[in-house]
Every structure is written in structure tokens, then in C-alpha cells.
N, C-alpha and C. Protein backbone atom coordinates (compact mmCIF):
# COMPACT_ATOMS: atom_id res chain seq x y z
N UNK A 1 0.84 -1.18 0.00
CA UNK A 1 0.00 0.00 0.00
C UNK A 1 0.88 1.24 0.00
N UNK A 2 0.58 2.20 -0.85
CA UNK A 2 1.37 3.41 -0.94
C UNK A 2 0.90 4.43 0.09
N UNK A 3 1.83 5.23 0.58
CA UNK A 3 1.46 6.30 1.50
C UNK A 3 1.08 7.55 0.71
N UNK A 4 0.23 8.35 1.30
CA UNK A 4 -0.28 9.52 0.61
C UNK A 4 0.57 10.74 0.95
N UNK A 5 0.99 11.47 -0.05
CA UNK A 5 1.75 12.70 0.12
C UNK A 5 0.86 13.86 -0.33
N UNK A 6 0.54 14.76 0.59
CA UNK A 6 -0.31 15.89 0.24
C UNK A 6 0.48 16.91 -0.57
N UNK A 7 -0.20 17.57 -1.46
CA UNK A 7 0.42 18.62 -2.28
C UNK A 7 0.03 19.97 -1.71
N UNK A 8 0.88 20.99 -1.87
CA UNK A 8 0.57 22.30 -1.28
C UNK A 8 -0.76 22.90 -1.74
N UNK A 9 -1.20 22.60 -2.93
CA UNK A 9 -2.46 23.14 -3.43
C UNK A 9 -3.67 22.48 -2.76
N UNK A 10 -3.49 21.31 -2.15
CA UNK A 10 -4.60 20.57 -1.54
C UNK A 10 -4.79 20.90 -0.06
N UNK A 11 -3.96 21.75 0.50
CA UNK A 11 -4.02 22.04 1.93
C UNK A 11 -5.23 22.91 2.24
N UNK A 12 -6.02 22.48 3.23
CA UNK A 12 -7.15 23.25 3.72
C UNK A 12 -6.80 23.72 5.12
N UNK A 13 -6.80 25.03 5.34
CA UNK A 13 -6.39 25.59 6.63
C UNK A 13 -7.61 25.95 7.47
N UNK A 14 -7.57 25.56 8.74
CA UNK A 14 -8.61 25.90 9.70
C UNK A 14 -8.06 26.97 10.65
N UNK A 15 -8.94 27.55 11.43
CA UNK A 15 -8.56 28.54 12.43
C UNK A 15 -8.88 27.97 13.81
N UNK A 16 -7.90 28.08 14.72
CA UNK A 16 -8.07 27.64 16.10
C UNK A 16 -7.79 28.80 17.03
N UNK A 17 -8.39 28.75 18.21
CA UNK A 17 -8.18 29.79 19.21
C UNK A 17 -7.78 29.13 20.53
N UNK A 18 -6.77 29.72 21.18
CA UNK A 18 -6.29 29.23 22.47
C UNK A 18 -6.42 30.37 23.47
N UNK A 19 -7.10 30.11 24.59
CA UNK A 19 -7.22 31.11 25.65
C UNK A 19 -6.06 30.90 26.62
N UNK A 20 -5.23 31.94 26.78
CA UNK A 20 -4.03 31.83 27.61
C UNK A 20 -4.21 32.26 29.04
N UNK A 21 -5.44 32.55 29.47
CA UNK A 21 -5.66 33.04 30.83
C UNK A 21 -5.28 31.96 31.85
N UNK A 22 -4.34 32.29 32.72
CA UNK A 22 -3.87 31.42 33.81
C UNK A 22 -3.33 30.08 33.31
N UNK A 23 -2.72 30.06 32.14
CA UNK A 23 -2.09 28.86 31.60
C UNK A 23 -0.58 29.08 31.53
N UNK A 24 0.17 28.01 31.42
CA UNK A 24 1.62 28.05 31.36
C UNK A 24 2.05 28.33 29.92
N UNK A 25 3.05 29.18 29.74
CA UNK A 25 3.51 29.60 28.42
C UNK A 25 3.96 28.42 27.56
N UNK A 26 4.72 27.50 28.11
CA UNK A 26 5.23 26.37 27.34
C UNK A 26 4.13 25.43 26.87
N UNK A 27 3.10 25.24 27.69
CA UNK A 27 1.99 24.36 27.31
C UNK A 27 1.20 24.96 26.15
N UNK A 28 0.99 26.27 26.23
CA UNK A 28 0.28 26.96 25.15
C UNK A 28 1.10 26.92 23.87
N UNK A 29 2.40 27.18 23.99
CA UNK A 29 3.27 27.22 22.82
C UNK A 29 3.37 25.86 22.15
N UNK A 30 3.41 24.79 22.92
CA UNK A 30 3.52 23.47 22.31
C UNK A 30 2.25 23.09 21.56
N UNK A 31 1.07 23.44 22.12
CA UNK A 31 -0.19 23.15 21.42
C UNK A 31 -0.29 23.98 20.15
N UNK A 32 0.12 25.26 20.23
CA UNK A 32 0.07 26.14 19.06
C UNK A 32 1.04 25.66 17.99
N UNK A 33 2.23 25.24 18.39
CA UNK A 33 3.24 24.77 17.43
C UNK A 33 2.76 23.51 16.70
N UNK A 34 2.11 22.62 17.42
CA UNK A 34 1.59 21.40 16.78
C UNK A 34 0.53 21.73 15.72
N UNK A 35 -0.34 22.69 16.04
CA UNK A 35 -1.39 23.06 15.09
C UNK A 35 -0.82 23.82 13.90
N UNK A 36 0.17 24.68 14.13
CA UNK A 36 0.76 25.46 13.05
C UNK A 36 1.56 24.57 12.10
N UNK A 37 2.21 23.53 12.64
CA UNK A 37 2.94 22.59 11.79
C UNK A 37 2.01 21.65 11.04
N UNK A 38 0.82 21.40 11.60
CA UNK A 38 -0.11 20.47 10.98
C UNK A 38 0.02 19.07 11.52
N UNK A 39 0.70 18.90 12.64
CA UNK A 39 0.90 17.55 13.19
C UNK A 39 -0.37 16.97 13.79
N UNK A 40 -1.39 17.79 13.96
CA UNK A 40 -2.65 17.26 14.48
C UNK A 40 -3.54 16.72 13.37
N UNK A 41 -3.07 16.75 12.13
CA UNK A 41 -3.83 16.27 10.99
C UNK A 41 -3.32 14.89 10.55
N UNK A 42 -4.20 14.04 10.04
CA UNK A 42 -3.74 12.74 9.55
C UNK A 42 -2.95 12.84 8.24
N UNK A 43 -3.04 13.97 7.54
CA UNK A 43 -2.34 14.15 6.27
C UNK A 43 -1.00 14.86 6.45
N UNK A 44 -0.48 14.91 7.68
CA UNK A 44 0.77 15.64 7.95
C UNK A 44 1.91 15.13 7.07
N UNK A 45 2.57 16.06 6.42
CA UNK A 45 3.74 15.76 5.60
C UNK A 45 4.84 16.74 6.02
N UNK A 46 6.01 16.25 6.43
CA UNK A 46 7.03 17.15 6.97
C UNK A 46 7.56 18.19 5.98
N UNK A 47 7.56 17.87 4.69
CA UNK A 47 8.14 18.79 3.72
C UNK A 47 7.12 19.72 3.08
N UNK A 48 5.85 19.67 3.54
CA UNK A 48 4.80 20.53 3.02
C UNK A 48 4.23 21.34 4.18
N UNK A 49 4.02 22.62 3.95
CA UNK A 49 3.44 23.50 4.96
C UNK A 49 1.94 23.27 5.00
N UNK A 50 1.48 22.37 5.86
CA UNK A 50 0.07 21.98 5.87
C UNK A 50 -0.62 22.34 7.19
N UNK A 51 -0.09 23.31 7.92
CA UNK A 51 -0.63 23.67 9.21
C UNK A 51 -1.81 24.62 9.14
N UNK A 52 -2.32 24.97 10.32
CA UNK A 52 -3.49 25.82 10.45
C UNK A 52 -3.12 27.15 11.10
N UNK A 53 -4.09 28.05 11.17
CA UNK A 53 -3.92 29.33 11.84
C UNK A 53 -4.26 29.16 13.32
N UNK A 54 -3.53 29.85 14.19
CA UNK A 54 -3.77 29.78 15.63
C UNK A 54 -3.84 31.19 16.19
N UNK A 55 -4.89 31.47 16.96
CA UNK A 55 -5.06 32.75 17.64
C UNK A 55 -4.86 32.49 19.13
N UNK A 56 -3.97 33.23 19.76
CA UNK A 56 -3.76 33.14 21.21
C UNK A 56 -4.29 34.42 21.82
N UNK A 57 -5.34 34.30 22.65
CA UNK A 57 -5.89 35.47 23.32
C UNK A 57 -5.47 35.45 24.79
N UNK A 58 -5.62 36.58 25.45
CA UNK A 58 -5.22 36.76 26.85
C UNK A 58 -3.73 36.48 27.05
N UNK A 59 -2.91 36.97 26.15
CA UNK A 59 -1.47 36.75 26.26
C UNK A 59 -0.88 37.45 27.47
N UNK A 60 -1.54 38.50 27.95
CA UNK A 60 -1.05 39.22 29.12
C UNK A 60 -1.31 38.47 30.42
N UNK A 61 -2.15 37.41 30.38
CA UNK A 61 -2.46 36.64 31.59
C UNK A 61 -1.75 35.30 31.63
N UNK A 62 -0.83 35.06 30.70
CA UNK A 62 -0.08 33.81 30.66
C UNK A 62 0.94 33.81 31.78
N UNK A 63 1.15 32.64 32.37
CA UNK A 63 2.08 32.52 33.50
C UNK A 63 3.35 31.79 33.07
N UNK A 64 4.43 32.07 33.81
CA UNK A 64 5.69 31.35 33.66
C UNK A 64 5.99 30.70 34.99
N UNK A 65 6.56 29.50 34.98
CA UNK A 65 6.83 28.77 36.20
C UNK A 65 8.23 29.07 36.72
N UNK A 66 8.44 28.79 37.98
CA UNK A 66 9.77 28.93 38.59
C UNK A 66 10.23 30.38 38.63
N UNK A 67 11.52 30.59 38.39
CA UNK A 67 12.11 31.92 38.44
C UNK A 67 12.34 32.49 37.04
N UNK A 68 11.54 32.02 36.07
CA UNK A 68 11.76 32.45 34.68
C UNK A 68 11.51 33.94 34.50
N UNK A 69 10.63 34.54 35.28
CA UNK A 69 10.38 35.98 35.14
C UNK A 69 11.63 36.80 35.44
N UNK A 70 12.47 36.33 36.35
CA UNK A 70 13.70 37.06 36.69
C UNK A 70 14.92 36.57 35.92
N UNK A 71 14.99 35.27 35.62
CA UNK A 71 16.21 34.69 35.07
C UNK A 71 16.21 34.54 33.56
N UNK A 72 15.05 34.29 32.94
CA UNK A 72 15.00 34.08 31.49
C UNK A 72 15.13 35.43 30.79
N UNK A 73 15.94 35.47 29.73
CA UNK A 73 16.22 36.72 29.03
C UNK A 73 15.82 36.63 27.56
N UNK A 74 15.34 37.76 27.03
CA UNK A 74 15.07 37.90 25.61
C UNK A 74 16.24 38.65 25.01
N UNK A 75 16.87 38.08 23.98
CA UNK A 75 18.05 38.67 23.36
C UNK A 75 17.67 39.31 22.04
N UNK A 76 18.05 40.57 21.85
CA UNK A 76 17.91 41.23 20.57
C UNK A 76 19.22 41.94 20.25
N UNK A 77 19.46 42.15 18.97
CA UNK A 77 20.69 42.81 18.54
C UNK A 77 20.35 43.83 17.46
N UNK A 78 20.97 45.01 17.56
CA UNK A 78 20.67 46.08 16.61
C UNK A 78 21.43 45.94 15.30
N UNK A 79 22.45 45.12 15.26
CA UNK A 79 23.26 44.98 14.06
C UNK A 79 24.56 45.76 14.15
N UNK A 80 24.67 46.65 15.10
CA UNK A 80 25.89 47.42 15.31
C UNK A 80 26.77 46.74 16.35
N UNK A 81 28.07 47.02 16.36
CA UNK A 81 28.92 46.46 17.41
C UNK A 81 28.42 46.88 18.79
N UNK A 82 28.45 45.97 19.71
CA UNK A 82 27.94 46.13 21.09
C UNK A 82 26.48 46.56 21.09
N UNK A 83 25.71 46.10 20.13
CA UNK A 83 24.31 46.47 20.04
C UNK A 83 23.37 45.43 20.62
N UNK A 84 23.88 44.58 21.49
CA UNK A 84 23.03 43.54 22.05
C UNK A 84 22.25 44.07 23.25
N UNK A 85 20.99 43.61 23.36
CA UNK A 85 20.11 44.00 24.46
C UNK A 85 19.50 42.75 25.06
N UNK A 86 19.48 42.70 26.36
CA UNK A 86 18.89 41.59 27.09
C UNK A 86 17.73 42.12 27.92
N UNK A 87 16.55 41.55 27.74
CA UNK A 87 15.37 41.97 28.47
C UNK A 87 14.86 40.80 29.30
N UNK A 88 14.74 40.96 30.63
CA UNK A 88 14.16 39.89 31.44
C UNK A 88 12.69 39.67 31.08
N UNK A 89 12.24 38.44 31.20
CA UNK A 89 10.87 38.12 30.83
C UNK A 89 9.85 38.80 31.73
N UNK A 90 10.22 39.21 32.92
CA UNK A 90 9.31 39.97 33.76
C UNK A 90 8.91 41.27 33.12
N UNK A 91 9.87 41.96 32.51
CA UNK A 91 9.60 43.21 31.81
C UNK A 91 8.92 42.93 30.46
N UNK A 92 9.37 41.88 29.78
CA UNK A 92 8.79 41.54 28.47
C UNK A 92 7.31 41.18 28.59
N UNK A 93 6.94 40.46 29.64
CA UNK A 93 5.54 40.06 29.82
C UNK A 93 4.66 41.26 30.15
N UNK A 94 5.22 42.32 30.73
CA UNK A 94 4.43 43.52 30.99
C UNK A 94 4.32 44.40 29.75
N UNK A 95 5.44 44.56 29.02
CA UNK A 95 5.45 45.45 27.86
C UNK A 95 4.86 44.81 26.62
N UNK A 96 5.30 43.58 26.30
CA UNK A 96 4.93 42.97 25.02
C UNK A 96 4.75 41.45 25.20
N UNK A 97 3.64 41.01 25.82
CA UNK A 97 3.46 39.56 26.02
C UNK A 97 3.26 38.79 24.72
N UNK A 98 2.84 39.48 23.66
CA UNK A 98 2.68 38.79 22.37
C UNK A 98 4.02 38.29 21.85
N UNK A 99 5.07 39.07 22.08
CA UNK A 99 6.42 38.66 21.65
C UNK A 99 6.88 37.42 22.39
N UNK A 100 6.55 37.32 23.66
CA UNK A 100 6.93 36.13 24.44
C UNK A 100 6.26 34.88 23.88
N UNK A 101 5.01 35.00 23.48
CA UNK A 101 4.30 33.86 22.88
C UNK A 101 4.93 33.50 21.55
N UNK A 102 5.20 34.50 20.73
CA UNK A 102 5.80 34.25 19.41
C UNK A 102 7.17 33.58 19.54
N UNK A 103 7.99 34.04 20.48
CA UNK A 103 9.32 33.45 20.67
C UNK A 103 9.22 32.01 21.15
N UNK A 104 8.26 31.73 22.03
CA UNK A 104 8.10 30.37 22.54
C UNK A 104 7.67 29.42 21.43
N UNK A 105 6.73 29.86 20.59
CA UNK A 105 6.26 29.01 19.49
C UNK A 105 7.36 28.86 18.44
N UNK A 106 8.07 29.94 18.14
CA UNK A 106 9.12 29.90 17.13
C UNK A 106 10.23 28.92 17.52
N UNK A 107 10.54 28.84 18.80
CA UNK A 107 11.56 27.90 19.26
C UNK A 107 11.14 26.45 19.13
N UNK A 108 9.83 26.19 19.04
CA UNK A 108 9.32 24.82 18.94
C UNK A 108 9.06 24.39 17.50
N UNK A 109 9.19 25.30 16.56
CA UNK A 109 8.99 24.95 15.15
C UNK A 109 10.28 24.40 14.55
N UNK A 110 10.21 23.65 13.46
CA UNK A 110 11.42 23.11 12.84
C UNK A 110 12.29 24.22 12.29
N UNK A 111 13.59 24.04 12.38
CA UNK A 111 14.54 25.06 11.93
C UNK A 111 14.86 24.83 10.46
N UNK A 112 13.92 25.20 9.61
CA UNK A 112 14.11 25.06 8.17
C UNK A 112 13.38 26.19 7.44
N UNK A 113 13.26 26.10 6.14
CA UNK A 113 12.68 27.18 5.35
C UNK A 113 11.19 27.35 5.58
N UNK A 114 10.52 26.33 6.10
CA UNK A 114 9.08 26.43 6.32
C UNK A 114 8.74 27.22 7.57
N UNK A 115 9.70 27.43 8.48
CA UNK A 115 9.41 28.08 9.75
C UNK A 115 8.92 29.51 9.57
N UNK A 116 9.49 30.26 8.61
CA UNK A 116 9.07 31.64 8.41
C UNK A 116 7.61 31.71 7.95
N UNK A 117 7.18 30.76 7.15
CA UNK A 117 5.78 30.73 6.72
C UNK A 117 4.87 30.30 7.86
N UNK A 118 5.35 29.36 8.69
CA UNK A 118 4.53 28.86 9.78
C UNK A 118 4.31 29.93 10.85
N UNK A 119 5.35 30.69 11.18
CA UNK A 119 5.25 31.64 12.28
C UNK A 119 4.30 32.79 11.93
N UNK A 120 4.07 33.02 10.65
CA UNK A 120 3.13 34.08 10.24
C UNK A 120 1.68 33.70 10.52
N UNK A 121 1.41 32.44 10.78
CA UNK A 121 0.05 32.00 11.06
C UNK A 121 -0.30 32.01 12.54
N UNK A 122 0.63 32.49 13.38
CA UNK A 122 0.33 32.67 14.80
C UNK A 122 -0.11 34.11 15.02
N UNK A 123 -1.28 34.29 15.59
CA UNK A 123 -1.80 35.61 15.93
C UNK A 123 -1.97 35.66 17.44
N UNK A 124 -1.35 36.64 18.09
CA UNK A 124 -1.38 36.73 19.54
C UNK A 124 -1.92 38.10 19.95
N UNK A 125 -2.81 38.11 20.94
CA UNK A 125 -3.46 39.36 21.36
C UNK A 125 -3.57 39.43 22.88
N UNK A 126 -3.45 40.64 23.40
CA UNK A 126 -3.74 40.88 24.81
C UNK A 126 -5.26 41.03 24.94
N UNK A 127 -5.81 40.47 25.97
CA UNK A 127 -7.26 40.58 26.18
C UNK A 127 -8.03 39.55 25.38
N UNK A 128 -9.38 39.67 25.48
CA UNK A 128 -10.28 38.68 24.87
C UNK A 128 -10.59 38.97 23.41
N UNK A 129 -10.43 40.20 22.99
CA UNK A 129 -10.88 40.59 21.66
C UNK A 129 -9.82 40.32 20.59
N UNK A 130 -10.29 39.88 19.43
CA UNK A 130 -9.42 39.67 18.27
C UNK A 130 -10.22 39.95 17.01
N UNK A 131 -9.56 40.35 15.92
CA UNK A 131 -10.28 40.71 14.70
C UNK A 131 -10.56 39.54 13.76
N UNK A 132 -10.54 38.31 14.26
CA UNK A 132 -10.68 37.14 13.38
C UNK A 132 -11.98 36.37 13.65
N UNK A 133 -13.04 37.06 14.06
CA UNK A 133 -14.29 36.36 14.34
C UNK A 133 -14.96 35.84 13.06
N UNK A 134 -14.67 36.47 11.92
CA UNK A 134 -15.27 36.04 10.65
C UNK A 134 -14.77 34.66 10.23
N UNK A 135 -13.59 34.28 10.69
CA UNK A 135 -13.03 32.97 10.33
C UNK A 135 -13.62 31.84 11.16
N UNK A 136 -14.43 32.15 12.18
CA UNK A 136 -15.07 31.17 13.06
C UNK A 136 -14.07 30.18 13.64
N UNK A 137 -13.14 30.64 14.49
CA UNK A 137 -12.13 29.74 15.04
C UNK A 137 -12.73 28.75 16.05
N UNK A 138 -12.15 27.57 16.08
CA UNK A 138 -12.54 26.51 16.99
C UNK A 138 -11.60 26.56 18.20
N UNK A 139 -12.15 26.40 19.40
CA UNK A 139 -11.36 26.48 20.62
C UNK A 139 -10.56 25.20 20.83
N UNK A 140 -9.28 25.37 21.20
CA UNK A 140 -8.41 24.25 21.56
C UNK A 140 -8.24 24.26 23.07
N UNK A 141 -8.46 23.13 23.70
CA UNK A 141 -8.24 23.00 25.14
C UNK A 141 -6.77 22.75 25.41
N UNK A 142 -6.23 23.45 26.41
CA UNK A 142 -4.82 23.27 26.77
C UNK A 142 -4.75 22.61 28.11
């Protein structure tokens, strides 16, 4: 029996929503990464971008365990010599919690050419409201 290989033109994308209120960042990121890669589908093919869209709401209410708020750092670089900046996650979660979600999901995606396309399908928002109600997203339990 031959195995089925999906073609990029045959991919049907769904929309999912994850509520991050009082949930752990890593648990949310792993569920979102699985849906964005398409590993929750029976037609999953590693070399084809067959994943779905994921909306993460209440990103400002996501929790981190242990001492990650003080010890975990976000690294950015300006491109100039000595242009590196380190931001503790305690400050990052107050200023830009959407970035923390994006970084967590991006670290769980495969390190290949498909990652840039996959990461664009993650939408993260502070609060309950999002502009994607027309897509009728289905809720994912974490």
C-alpha cells in the first residue's frame, strides 16, 4: 500500500483559538506549534506546509513557572557592534506579552525554510478581543 503525500495546493487551513488566561507559556506554545505545523492532521507531511492558523488570546495573563520571570532573558541585537540587548521576561511580559508567545512558538517549530511561513500563522493578542471572528475559530483546550 502506498502512503499519501499531500500537495501544497490541496491544503485546507482551519482557524483555532487558544485562551491563555492562567495557563503556562510552554503548554500553550507546544499546542500552538503542533497546530501550526499540521501535526494534528492525519495528512501531515514534513516537507509541506500543511498547518493551520492559531489565535492566542489573553497573552497578558499567561504565566511562567519557577524563576523564569527574573532569570529568562530575551536577546535582541541592533546589528551594530555592542548592540546587544537583554530583556528579562518579567519586563517583556508587561510590555509585550505577544512577543513572548511568538518566541516560545518559534523555538518549537522546525529550523528550516518552512518556519518563516509557519510563524506568520500565529496571531497573539492581549485581552479577549481579536479581529478574526469572521473565520469562526474553533477552541483548543490546553
